[in-house]
Amino acid sequence: MAANGAQFHVAELGDGPLVLFLHGFPEFWWAWRHQLSRVAEAGWRVVAMDLRGYGGSDKPPRGYDPMTFAADITGVIQSIGERQAVLVAHDWGAYGAWTAASFRPAHVRGLAALSMPHPLILRRHLLRGGITRHGSLLASQFPFIPERRLVAADGVRVEYLLRNWAAPSSPFPDADTAARYREAFSIWPASHCALEYQRWAVRSLFRSDGRRFARRLERQPITAPVLQIHGGADPQYSSSLVASSRHQVSGRHHWHHLAGVGHFPHEESPDVVTDILLDWLATI
């Protein structure tokens, strides 16, 4: 599917109003396999896309800033033939979804964000020293080495990150799931492109484009209904940090804290997350 000057791979089910699913790092559209069929059966048209640089989508050398990311999202919505969509997004996919909901509100009917604070909250957190507590985010800033590590030994580090960021008691990922994500990241230059989103978020802290991005976010609070789902055992971002995103939302806001769940709620507790999502979608 062509959108915003690139080709995007999408998976689609159902008929009805559009729900667009956006995966995070280090996954691809398949991350939403547990949710897609049930949401489609509930009367929604569901589309899960591979983000720019991931899976079957184009992997250009540029376009990993949040402004382009938001244009990718709304471009896909329009290419599908719709004017607006409910966005359901995880991790760095949610970073782009938060931005799209702020910058392009006419195209976003609602936003469900999992495991990622609003970009302005994340920026402030990193500027106040939070970057030192995110080893993987800090390590991703080095050139060449991080992406090579992700593909070395058939992507064993991808599996390590999935296991390390999930709750200690979580059965996710099982061997077959880990193998699927390892294989997807072996498509060069997927590992490089995936890290470019993270590199922009950190490097822009000290640049004029980052300051312009922050000022625009400050001027444009999110008016669409927002659902946040966060795992209490998420080692990446604390619940208090993520919950403070409510201050960037002027519309309806719903918060769900899942005790004992790590960074991948949609995969660690798929039925619970889908139930929450369906209840919320019924109010949109």
C-alpha atoms as a PDB file:
ATOM      1  CA  MET A   1       0.000   0.000   0.000  1.00  0.00           C
ATOM      2  CA  ALA A   2       1.400   3.404  -1.036  1.00  0.00           C
ATOM      3  CA  ALA A   3       1.308   6.263   1.474  1.00  0.00           C
ATOM      4  CA  ASN A   4       3.475   9.312   2.188  1.00  0.00           C
ATOM      5  CA  GLY A   5       6.040   8.375  -0.459  1.00  0.00           C
ATOM      6  CA  ALA A   6       6.592   4.786   0.747  1.00  0.00           C
ATOM      7  CA  GLN A   7       5.050   1.324   0.452  1.00  0.00           C
ATOM      8  CA  PHE A   8       3.558  -0.239   3.584  1.00  0.00           C
ATOM      9  CA  HIS A   9       2.634  -3.838   4.249  1.00  0.00           C
ATOM     10  CA  VAL A  10      -0.742  -4.264   5.969  1.00  0.00           C
ATOM     11  CA  ALA A  11      -2.900  -7.138   7.214  1.00  0.00           C
ATOM     12  CA  GLU A  12      -6.668  -6.600   7.184  1.00  0.00           C
ATOM     13  CA  LEU A  13      -9.828  -8.207   8.555  1.00  0.00           C
ATOM     14  CA  GLY A  14     -13.495  -7.290   8.928  1.00  0.00           C
ATOM     15  CA  ASP A  15     -15.821  -4.480   7.946  1.00  0.00           C
ATOM     16  CA  GLY A  16     -16.922  -1.359   9.754  1.00  0.00           C
ATOM     17  CA  PRO A  17     -15.197   1.703  11.208  1.00  0.00           C
ATOM     18  CA  LEU A  18     -11.419   1.514  10.929  1.00  0.00           C
ATOM     19  CA  VAL A  19      -9.078   0.478  13.746  1.00  0.00           C
ATOM     20  CA  LEU A  20      -5.408   0.815  12.773  1.00  0.00           C
ATOM     21  CA  PHE A  21      -2.926  -1.219  14.852  1.00  0.00           C
ATOM     22  CA  LEU A  22       0.671   0.005  15.193  1.00  0.00           C
ATOM     23  CA  HIS A  23       3.328  -2.301  16.627  1.00  0.00           C
ATOM     24  CA  GLY A  24       6.388  -1.373  18.653  1.00  0.00           C
ATOM     25  CA  PHE A  25      10.035  -2.418  18.894  1.00  0.00           C
ATOM     26  CA  PRO A  26      11.206  -5.125  18.207  1.00  0.00           C
ATOM     27  CA  GLU A  27       8.031  -6.521  16.636  1.00  0.00           C
ATOM     28  CA  PHE A  28       5.960  -6.190  13.438  1.00  0.00           C
ATOM     29  CA  TRP A  29       2.255  -6.324  12.516  1.00  0.00           C
ATOM     30  CA  TRP A  30       1.931  -9.923  13.773  1.00  0.00           C
ATOM     31  CA  ALA A  31       2.205  -8.603  17.351  1.00  0.00           C
ATOM     32  CA  TRP A  32      -1.549  -7.912  17.209  1.00  0.00           C
ATOM     33  CA  ARG A  33      -2.582 -11.444  16.130  1.00  0.00           C
ATOM     34  CA  HIS A  34      -4.474 -11.995  19.401  1.00  0.00           C
ATOM     35  CA  GLN A  35      -6.555  -8.838  19.026  1.00  0.00           C
ATOM     36  CA  LEU A  36      -7.308  -8.649  15.300  1.00  0.00           C
ATOM     37  CA  SER A  37      -9.914 -11.385  14.909  1.00  0.00           C
ATOM     38  CA  ARG A  38     -11.899 -10.485  18.038  1.00  0.00           C
ATOM     39  CA  VAL A  39     -12.002  -6.774  17.213  1.00  0.00           C
ATOM     40  CA  ALA A  40     -13.074  -7.598  13.645  1.00  0.00           C
ATOM     41  CA  GLU A  41     -15.804  -9.910  14.958  1.00  0.00           C
ATOM     42  CA  ALA A  42     -17.071  -7.022  17.094  1.00  0.00           C
ATOM     43  CA  GLY A  43     -17.862  -5.027  13.960  1.00  0.00           C
ATOM     44  CA  TRP A  44     -14.680  -3.123  13.165  1.00  0.00           C
ATOM     45  CA  ARG A  45     -12.464  -3.027  10.108  1.00  0.00           C
ATOM     46  CA  VAL A  46      -9.037  -3.857  11.515  1.00  0.00           C
ATOM     47  CA  VAL A  47      -5.754  -3.132   9.788  1.00  0.00           C
ATOM     48  CA  ALA A  48      -2.309  -3.850  11.250  1.00  0.00           C
ATOM     49  CA  MET A  49       0.603  -2.225   9.447  1.00  0.00           C
ATOM     50  CA  ASP A  50       4.330  -2.769   9.436  1.00  0.00           C
ATOM     51  CA  LEU A  51       5.881   0.575  10.334  1.00  0.00           C
ATOM     52  CA  ARG A  52       8.343   2.235   7.992  1.00  0.00           C
ATOM     53  CA  GLY A  53      11.573   0.230   8.206  1.00  0.00           C
ATOM     54  CA  TYR A  54       9.980  -2.943   9.593  1.00  0.00           C
ATOM     55  CA  GLY A  55       8.784  -6.254   8.165  1.00  0.00           C
ATOM     56  CA  GLY A  56       7.378  -6.019   4.658  1.00  0.00           C
ATOM     57  CA  SER A  57       7.264  -2.199   4.521  1.00  0.00           C
ATOM     58  CA  ASP A  58       9.813  -0.020   2.734  1.00  0.00           C
ATOM     59  CA  LYS A  59      13.114   0.601   4.510  1.00  0.00           C
ATOM     60  CA  PRO A  60      14.345   3.969   3.227  1.00  0.00           C
ATOM     61  CA  PRO A  61      17.349   5.713   4.796  1.00  0.00           C
ATOM     62  CA  ARG A  62      15.247   8.619   6.122  1.00  0.00           C
ATOM     63  CA  GLY A  63      11.821   9.371   7.522  1.00  0.00           C
ATOM     64  CA  TYR A  64      12.041   8.174  11.152  1.00  0.00           C
ATOM     65  CA  ASP A  65      11.209  11.467  12.835  1.00  0.00           C
ATOM     66  CA  PRO A  66       7.755  11.724  14.482  1.00  0.00           C
ATOM     67  CA  MET A  67       6.421  14.248  11.972  1.00  0.00           C
ATOM     68  CA  THR A  68       7.013  11.839   9.081  1.00  0.00           C
ATOM     69  CA  PHE A  69       5.769   9.005  11.297  1.00  0.00           C
ATOM     70  CA  ALA A  70       2.457  10.816  11.863  1.00  0.00           C
ATOM     71  CA  ALA A  71       2.160  11.445   8.123  1.00  0.00           C
ATOM     72  CA  ASP A  72       2.802   7.731   7.471  1.00  0.00           C
ATOM     73  CA  ILE A  73      -0.063   6.825   9.806  1.00  0.00           C
ATOM     74  CA  THR A  74      -2.590   9.260   8.373  1.00  0.00           C
ATOM     75  CA  GLY A  75      -1.402   8.501   4.842  1.00  0.00           C
ATOM     76  CA  VAL A  76      -2.174   4.819   5.352  1.00  0.00           C
ATOM     77  CA  ILE A  77      -5.618   5.724   6.727  1.00  0.00           C
ATOM     78  CA  GLN A  78      -6.360   7.679   3.576  1.00  0.00           C
ATOM     79  CA  SER A  79      -4.881   5.048   1.245  1.00  0.00           C
ATOM     80  CA  ILE A  80      -7.186   2.492   2.834  1.00  0.00           C
ATOM     81  CA  GLY A  81     -10.037   4.743   1.727  1.00  0.00           C
ATOM     82  CA  GLU A  82     -11.002   6.114   5.141  1.00  0.00           C
ATOM     83  CA  ARG A  83     -10.967   9.616   6.566  1.00  0.00           C
ATOM     84  CA  GLN A  84     -10.200   8.677  10.161  1.00  0.00           C
ATOM     85  CA  ALA A  85      -9.337   5.713  12.379  1.00  0.00           C
ATOM     86  CA  VAL A  86      -9.050   4.615  15.958  1.00  0.00           C
ATOM     87  CA  LEU A  87      -5.334   4.048  16.592  1.00  0.00           C
ATOM     88  CA  VAL A  88      -4.248   1.149  18.793  1.00  0.00           C
ATOM     89  CA  ALA A  89      -0.527   1.345  19.316  1.00  0.00           C
ATOM     90  CA  HIS A  90       2.299  -0.086  21.411  1.00  0.00           C
ATOM     91  CA  ASP A  91       5.727   1.240  22.393  1.00  0.00           C
ATOM     92  CA  TRP A  92       7.322   3.267  19.548  1.00  0.00           C
ATOM     93  CA  GLY A  93       4.193   2.712  17.496  1.00  0.00           C
ATOM     94  CA  ALA A  94       2.387   4.607  20.258  1.00  0.00           C
ATOM     95  CA  TYR A  95       4.997   7.384  20.054  1.00  0.00           C
ATOM     96  CA  GLY A  96       3.881   7.963  16.458  1.00  0.00           C
ATOM     97  CA  ALA A  97       0.209   7.530  17.334  1.00  0.00           C
ATOM     98  CA  TRP A  98       0.380  10.144  20.116  1.00  0.00           C
ATOM     99  CA  THR A  99       1.970  12.515  17.583  1.00  0.00           C
ATOM    100  CA  ALA A 100      -0.646  11.823  14.920  1.00  0.00           C
ATOM    101  CA  ALA A 101      -3.454  12.422  17.426  1.00  0.00           C
ATOM    102  CA  SER A 102      -1.903  15.794  18.324  1.00  0.00           C
ATOM    103  CA  PHE A 103      -0.757  17.011  14.894  1.00  0.00           C
ATOM    104  CA  ARG A 104      -3.521  15.529  12.707  1.00  0.00           C
ATOM    105  CA  PRO A 105      -6.602  15.290  14.946  1.00  0.00           C
ATOM    106  CA  ALA A 106      -9.116  15.198  12.084  1.00  0.00           C
ATOM    107  CA  HIS A 107      -7.840  11.733  11.168  1.00  0.00           C
ATOM    108  CA  VAL A 108      -7.799  10.218  14.681  1.00  0.00           C
ATOM    109  CA  ARG A 109     -11.130   9.127  16.132  1.00  0.00           C
ATOM    110  CA  GLY A 110      -9.535   7.707  19.282  1.00  0.00           C
ATOM    111  CA  LEU A 111      -6.191   6.512  20.614  1.00  0.00           C
ATOM    112  CA  ALA A 112      -5.307   3.446  22.671  1.00  0.00           C
ATOM    113  CA  ALA A 113      -1.662   3.679  23.759  1.00  0.00           C
ATOM    114  CA  LEU A 114       0.182   0.769  25.366  1.00  0.00           C
ATOM    115  CA  SER A 115       3.511   0.992  27.214  1.00  0.00           C
ATOM    116  CA  MET A 116       4.585   4.424  26.005  1.00  0.00           C
ATOM    117  CA  PRO A 117       4.124   7.894  27.513  1.00  0.00           C
ATOM    118  CA  HIS A 118       3.111  10.912  25.480  1.00  0.00           C
ATOM    119  CA  PRO A 119       6.197  12.184  23.537  1.00  0.00           C
ATOM    120  CA  LEU A 120       6.308  15.398  25.550  1.00  0.00           C
ATOM    121  CA  ILE A 121       6.332  13.421  28.809  1.00  0.00           C
ATOM    122  CA  LEU A 122       9.068  11.168  27.445  1.00  0.00           C
ATOM    123  CA  ARG A 123      11.133  14.151  26.299  1.00  0.00           C
ATOM    124  CA  ARG A 124      10.949  15.818  29.707  1.00  0.00           C
ATOM    125  CA  HIS A 125      11.817  12.530  31.400  1.00  0.00           C
ATOM    126  CA  LEU A 126      14.906  12.062  29.232  1.00  0.00           C
ATOM    127  CA  LEU A 127      16.046  15.657  29.704  1.00  0.00           C
ATOM    128  CA  ARG A 128      15.801  15.263  33.486  1.00  0.00           C
ATOM    129  CA  GLY A 129      18.239  12.359  33.467  1.00  0.00           C
ATOM    130  CA  GLY A 130      15.938   9.503  32.522  1.00  0.00           C
ATOM    131  CA  ILE A 131      18.171   8.594  29.598  1.00  0.00           C
ATOM    132  CA  THR A 132      20.719   7.140  32.027  1.00  0.00           C
ATOM    133  CA  ARG A 133      18.106   4.642  33.252  1.00  0.00           C
ATOM    134  CA  HIS A 134      17.333   3.339  29.774  1.00  0.00           C
ATOM    135  CA  GLY A 135      20.346   1.275  28.845  1.00  0.00           C
ATOM    136  CA  SER A 136      18.979   0.019  25.536  1.00  0.00           C
ATOM    137  CA  LEU A 137      17.853   3.495  24.468  1.00  0.00           C
ATOM    138  CA  LEU A 138      21.227   4.951  25.333  1.00  0.00           C
ATOM    139  CA  ALA A 139      23.084   2.101  23.614  1.00  0.00           C
ATOM    140  CA  SER A 140      21.057   2.583  20.444  1.00  0.00           C
ATOM    141  CA  GLN A 141      22.678   5.996  19.908  1.00  0.00           C
ATOM    142  CA  PHE A 142      25.999   4.504  18.829  1.00  0.00           C
ATOM    143  CA  PRO A 143      26.459   4.065  15.067  1.00  0.00           C
ATOM    144  CA  PHE A 144      26.572   0.645  13.388  1.00  0.00           C
ATOM    145  CA  ILE A 145      27.154  -1.525  16.466  1.00  0.00           C
ATOM    146  CA  PRO A 146      23.578  -1.750  17.893  1.00  0.00           C
ATOM    147  CA  GLU A 147      21.958  -2.803  14.610  1.00  0.00           C
ATOM    148  CA  ARG A 148      24.688  -5.378  14.000  1.00  0.00           C
ATOM    149  CA  ARG A 149      24.096  -6.815  17.466  1.00  0.00           C
ATOM    150  CA  LEU A 150      20.397  -7.197  16.710  1.00  0.00           C
ATOM    151  CA  VAL A 151      21.053  -9.428  13.703  1.00  0.00           C
ATOM    152  CA  ALA A 152      24.083 -11.324  15.052  1.00  0.00           C
ATOM    153  CA  ALA A 153      23.632 -15.039  15.812  1.00  0.00           C
ATOM    154  CA  ASP A 154      20.295 -15.134  13.973  1.00  0.00           C
ATOM    155  CA  GLY A 155      18.833 -12.318  16.056  1.00  0.00           C
ATOM    156  CA  VAL A 156      19.369 -13.798  19.497  1.00  0.00           C
ATOM    157  CA  ARG A 157      19.399 -10.282  21.022  1.00  0.00           C
ATOM    158  CA  VAL A 158      15.860  -9.678  19.755  1.00  0.00           C
ATOM    159  CA  GLU A 159      14.738 -12.679  21.791  1.00  0.00           C
ATOM    160  CA  TYR A 160      16.747 -11.435  24.779  1.00  0.00           C
ATOM    161  CA  LEU A 161      14.988  -8.049  24.674  1.00  0.00           C
ATOM    162  CA  LEU A 162      11.546  -9.636  24.414  1.00  0.00           C
ATOM    163  CA  ARG A 163      12.231 -11.847  27.431  1.00  0.00           C
ATOM    164  CA  ASN A 164      13.981  -9.152  29.453  1.00  0.00           C
ATOM    165  CA  TRP A 165      11.212  -6.564  28.989  1.00  0.00           C
ATOM    166  CA  ALA A 166       8.364  -8.979  29.714  1.00  0.00           C
ATOM    167  CA  ALA A 167       7.377  -9.698  33.311  1.00  0.00           C
ATOM    168  CA  PRO A 168       9.647 -12.305  34.960  1.00  0.00           C
ATOM    169  CA  SER A 169       6.737 -14.734  35.331  1.00  0.00           C
ATOM    170  CA  SER A 170       5.425 -14.215  31.798  1.00  0.00           C
ATOM    171  CA  PRO A 171       5.383 -17.151  29.356  1.00  0.00           C
ATOM    172  CA  PHE A 172       5.983 -14.650  26.546  1.00  0.00           C
ATOM    173  CA  PRO A 173       7.745 -15.188  24.283  1.00  0.00           C
ATOM    174  CA  ASP A 174       7.557 -18.908  23.636  1.00  0.00           C
ATOM    175  CA  ALA A 175      10.151 -20.430  21.316  1.00  0.00           C
ATOM    176  CA  ASP A 176       8.039 -20.169  18.164  1.00  0.00           C
ATOM    177  CA  THR A 177       7.113 -16.537  18.827  1.00  0.00           C
ATOM    178  CA  ALA A 178      10.726 -15.581  19.515  1.00  0.00           C
ATOM    179  CA  ALA A 179      11.810 -17.297  16.302  1.00  0.00           C
ATOM    180  CA  ARG A 180       9.251 -15.314  14.317  1.00  0.00           C
ATOM    181  CA  TYR A 181      10.490 -11.976  15.620  1.00  0.00           C
ATOM    182  CA  ARG A 182      14.126 -12.965  15.173  1.00  0.00           C
ATOM    183  CA  GLU A 183      13.439 -13.870  11.566  1.00  0.00           C
ATOM    184  CA  ALA A 184      11.637 -10.578  10.860  1.00  0.00           C
ATOM    185  CA  PHE A 185      14.594  -8.555  12.164  1.00  0.00           C
ATOM    186  CA  SER A 186      16.997 -10.485   9.945  1.00  0.00           C
ATOM    187  CA  ILE A 187      15.635  -8.575   6.915  1.00  0.00           C
ATOM    188  CA  TRP A 188      18.357  -5.960   6.472  1.00  0.00           C
ATOM    189  CA  PRO A 189      18.227  -3.023   7.095  1.00  0.00           C
ATOM    190  CA  ALA A 190      15.237  -3.509   9.450  1.00  0.00           C
ATOM    191  CA  SER A 191      17.428  -3.406  12.557  1.00  0.00           C
ATOM    192  CA  HIS A 192      18.998  -0.101  11.488  1.00  0.00           C
ATOM    193  CA  CYS A 193      15.668   1.495  10.557  1.00  0.00           C
ATOM    194  CA  ALA A 194      13.990   0.416  13.802  1.00  0.00           C
ATOM    195  CA  LEU A 195      16.711   2.110  15.837  1.00  0.00           C
ATOM    196  CA  GLU A 196      16.397   5.343  13.884  1.00  0.00           C
ATOM    197  CA  TYR A 197      13.116   6.165  15.657  1.00  0.00           C
ATOM    198  CA  GLN A 198      14.923   5.907  18.998  1.00  0.00           C
ATOM    199  CA  ARG A 199      17.930   7.857  17.773  1.00  0.00           C
ATOM    200  CA  TRP A 200      15.751  10.772  16.707  1.00  0.00           C
ATOM    201  CA  ALA A 201      13.978  10.874  20.063  1.00  0.00           C
ATOM    202  CA  VAL A 202      17.280  11.185  21.937  1.00  0.00           C
ATOM    203  CA  ARG A 203      19.359  13.273  19.543  1.00  0.00           C
ATOM    204  CA  SER A 204      16.557  15.788  18.980  1.00  0.00           C
ATOM    205  CA  LEU A 205      16.650  16.651  22.703  1.00  0.00           C
ATOM    206  CA  PHE A 206      19.527  18.992  21.937  1.00  0.00           C
ATOM    207  CA  ARG A 207      18.484  20.229  18.479  1.00  0.00           C
ATOM    208  CA  SER A 208      16.167  22.901  17.152  1.00  0.00           C
ATOM    209  CA  ASP A 209      13.866  20.385  15.433  1.00  0.00           C
ATOM    210  CA  GLY A 210      13.292  18.706  18.795  1.00  0.00           C
ATOM    211  CA  ARG A 211      12.445  22.022  20.424  1.00  0.00           C
ATOM    212  CA  ARG A 212      10.009  22.870  17.611  1.00  0.00           C
ATOM    213  CA  PHE A 213       8.402  19.443  17.998  1.00  0.00           C
ATOM    214  CA  ALA A 214       7.953  19.991  21.741  1.00  0.00           C
ATOM    215  CA  ARG A 215       6.454  23.470  21.311  1.00  0.00           C
ATOM    216  CA  ARG A 216       3.928  22.152  18.826  1.00  0.00           C
ATOM    217  CA  LEU A 217       2.937  19.326  21.167  1.00  0.00           C
ATOM    218  CA  GLU A 218       2.469  21.854  23.969  1.00  0.00           C
ATOM    219  CA  ARG A 219       0.119  23.924  21.804  1.00  0.00           C
ATOM    220  CA  GLN A 220      -1.960  20.955  20.652  1.00  0.00           C
ATOM    221  CA  PRO A 221      -3.346  18.785  23.470  1.00  0.00           C
ATOM    222  CA  ILE A 222      -5.129  15.639  22.363  1.00  0.00           C
ATOM    223  CA  THR A 223      -8.866  16.074  22.003  1.00  0.00           C
ATOM    224  CA  ALA A 224      -9.729  12.500  20.931  1.00  0.00           C
ATOM    225  CA  PRO A 225     -10.715   9.901  23.546  1.00  0.00           C
ATOM    226  CA  VAL A 226      -7.624   8.181  24.943  1.00  0.00           C
ATOM    227  CA  LEU A 227      -7.164   4.752  26.524  1.00  0.00           C
ATOM    228  CA  GLN A 228      -3.864   3.932  28.212  1.00  0.00           C
ATOM    229  CA  ILE A 229      -2.895   0.386  29.168  1.00  0.00           C
ATOM    230  CA  HIS A 230       0.292  -0.186  31.120  1.00  0.00           C
ATOM    231  CA  GLY A 231       1.939  -3.140  32.796  1.00  0.00           C
ATOM    232  CA  GLY A 232       2.947  -2.685  36.412  1.00  0.00           C
ATOM    233  CA  ALA A 233       6.060  -4.811  35.853  1.00  0.00           C
ATOM    234  CA  ASP A 234       7.218  -2.863  32.789  1.00  0.00           C
ATOM    235  CA  PRO A 235      10.983  -2.313  33.217  1.00  0.00           C
ATOM    236  CA  GLN A 236      11.097   0.349  30.508  1.00  0.00           C
ATOM    237  CA  TYR A 237       8.719   3.003  31.843  1.00  0.00           C
ATOM    238  CA  SER A 238       7.156   3.388  35.267  1.00  0.00           C
ATOM    239  CA  SER A 239       3.402   3.478  35.660  1.00  0.00           C
ATOM    240  CA  SER A 240       3.545   6.942  37.236  1.00  0.00           C
ATOM    241  CA  LEU A 241       5.503   8.342  34.289  1.00  0.00           C
ATOM    242  CA  VAL A 242       3.164   6.870  31.688  1.00  0.00           C
ATOM    243  CA  ALA A 243       0.015   7.833  33.631  1.00  0.00           C
ATOM    244  CA  SER A 244       1.124  11.476  33.718  1.00  0.00           C
ATOM    245  CA  SER A 245       0.349  11.568  29.984  1.00  0.00           C
ATOM    246  CA  ARG A 246      -3.232  12.316  31.026  1.00  0.00           C
ATOM    247  CA  HIS A 247      -2.173  15.952  31.428  1.00  0.00           C
ATOM    248  CA  GLN A 248      -1.650  16.137  27.635  1.00  0.00           C
ATOM    249  CA  VAL A 249      -5.216  14.965  26.946  1.00  0.00           C
ATOM    250  CA  SER A 250      -8.105  17.420  26.953  1.00  0.00           C
ATOM    251  CA  GLY A 251     -10.671  14.805  25.891  1.00  0.00           C
ATOM    252  CA  ARG A 252     -11.880  11.680  27.704  1.00  0.00           C
ATOM    253  CA  HIS A 253      -9.106   9.631  29.310  1.00  0.00           C
ATOM    254  CA  HIS A 254      -9.185   6.044  30.587  1.00  0.00           C
ATOM    255  CA  TRP A 255      -6.311   4.375  32.450  1.00  0.00           C
ATOM    256  CA  HIS A 256      -5.764   0.646  33.018  1.00  0.00           C
ATOM    257  CA  HIS A 257      -2.883  -0.622  35.134  1.00  0.00           C
ATOM    258  CA  LEU A 258      -2.182  -4.353  34.766  1.00  0.00           C
ATOM    259  CA  ALA A 259      -0.326  -5.726  37.791  1.00  0.00           C
ATOM    260  CA  GLY A 260       2.307  -8.341  37.069  1.00  0.00           C
ATOM    261  CA  VAL A 261       2.450  -7.522  33.361  1.00  0.00           C
ATOM    262  CA  GLY A 262       5.580  -6.288  31.601  1.00  0.00           C
ATOM    263  CA  HIS A 263       6.246  -4.185  28.514  1.00  0.00           C
ATOM    264  CA  PHE A 264       4.110  -6.278  26.121  1.00  0.00           C
ATOM    265  CA  PRO A 265       0.563  -6.320  27.600  1.00  0.00           C
ATOM    266  CA  HIS A 266      -1.072  -7.290  24.302  1.00  0.00           C
ATOM    267  CA  GLU A 267       1.104 -10.419  24.167  1.00  0.00           C
ATOM    268  CA  GLU A 268       1.535 -11.237  27.857  1.00  0.00           C
ATOM    269  CA  SER A 269      -2.168 -10.845  28.747  1.00  0.00           C
ATOM    270  CA  PRO A 270      -3.867 -10.831  25.346  1.00  0.00           C
ATOM    271  CA  ASP A 271      -7.400 -11.710  26.476  1.00  0.00           C
ATOM    272  CA  VAL A 272      -7.421  -9.072  29.222  1.00  0.00           C
ATOM    273  CA  VAL A 273      -6.116  -6.395  26.868  1.00  0.00           C
ATOM    274  CA  THR A 274      -8.612  -7.319  24.162  1.00  0.00           C
ATOM    275  CA  ASP A 275     -11.493  -7.197  26.655  1.00  0.00           C
ATOM    276  CA  ILE A 276     -10.415  -3.723  27.813  1.00  0.00           C
ATOM    277  CA  LEU A 277     -10.007  -2.576  24.235  1.00  0.00           C
ATOM    278  CA  LEU A 278     -13.436  -3.840  23.149  1.00  0.00           C
ATOM    279  CA  ASP A 279     -15.158  -2.216  26.123  1.00  0.00           C
ATOM    280  CA  TRP A 280     -13.478   1.089  25.320  1.00  0.00           C
ATOM    281  CA  LEU A 281     -14.180   0.861  21.575  1.00  0.00           C
ATOM    282  CA  ALA A 282     -17.878   0.468  22.381  1.00  0.00           C
ATOM    283  CA  THR A 283     -17.779   3.993  23.845  1.00  0.00           C
ATOM    284  CA  ILE A 284     -16.154   5.649  20.825  1.00  0.00           C
END
